[in-house]
Protein backbone atom coordinates (compact mmCIF):
# COMPACT_ATOMS: atom_id res chain seq x y z
CA MET A 1 -168.42 -6.26 95.11
CA ASN A 2 -168.49 -3.40 92.63
CA HIS A 3 -164.99 -2.96 91.22
CA GLN A 4 -165.37 0.77 90.56
CA LEU A 5 -166.59 1.34 94.11
CA ALA A 6 -163.59 -0.54 95.51
CA ASN A 7 -161.27 1.58 93.35
CA LEU A 8 -162.90 4.77 94.62
CA GLU A 9 -162.48 3.62 98.22
CA VAL A 10 -158.78 2.92 97.67
CA LYS A 11 -158.28 6.34 96.07
CA THR A 12 -160.10 8.06 98.91
CA PHE A 13 -158.09 6.11 101.48
CA LYS A 14 -154.80 7.12 99.80
CA ILE A 15 -155.88 10.78 99.66
CA ILE A 16 -156.77 10.72 103.37
CA LEU A 17 -153.48 9.00 104.18
CA ASN A 18 -151.51 11.64 102.23
CA PHE A 19 -153.50 14.39 103.97
CA PHE A 20 -152.58 13.03 107.41
CA LYS A 21 -148.91 12.73 106.40
CA ASN A 22 -148.87 16.32 105.18
CA GLU A 23 -150.62 17.50 108.33
CA LYS A 24 -148.02 15.71 110.45
CA TYR A 25 -145.15 17.34 108.54
CA SER A 26 -146.78 20.78 108.70
CA PHE A 27 -147.34 20.37 112.44
CA THR A 28 -143.70 19.35 112.94
CA ILE A 29 -142.44 22.31 110.89
CA MET A 30 -144.66 24.78 112.79
CA ARG A 31 -143.32 23.56 116.13
């Protein structure tokens, strides 16, 4: 497996995870 590719996937996954967390908090605040 390409190490750089794996690193990129982990970074992308963390960004998506943070995005969902922020969306959840924003949704809770709006309600």
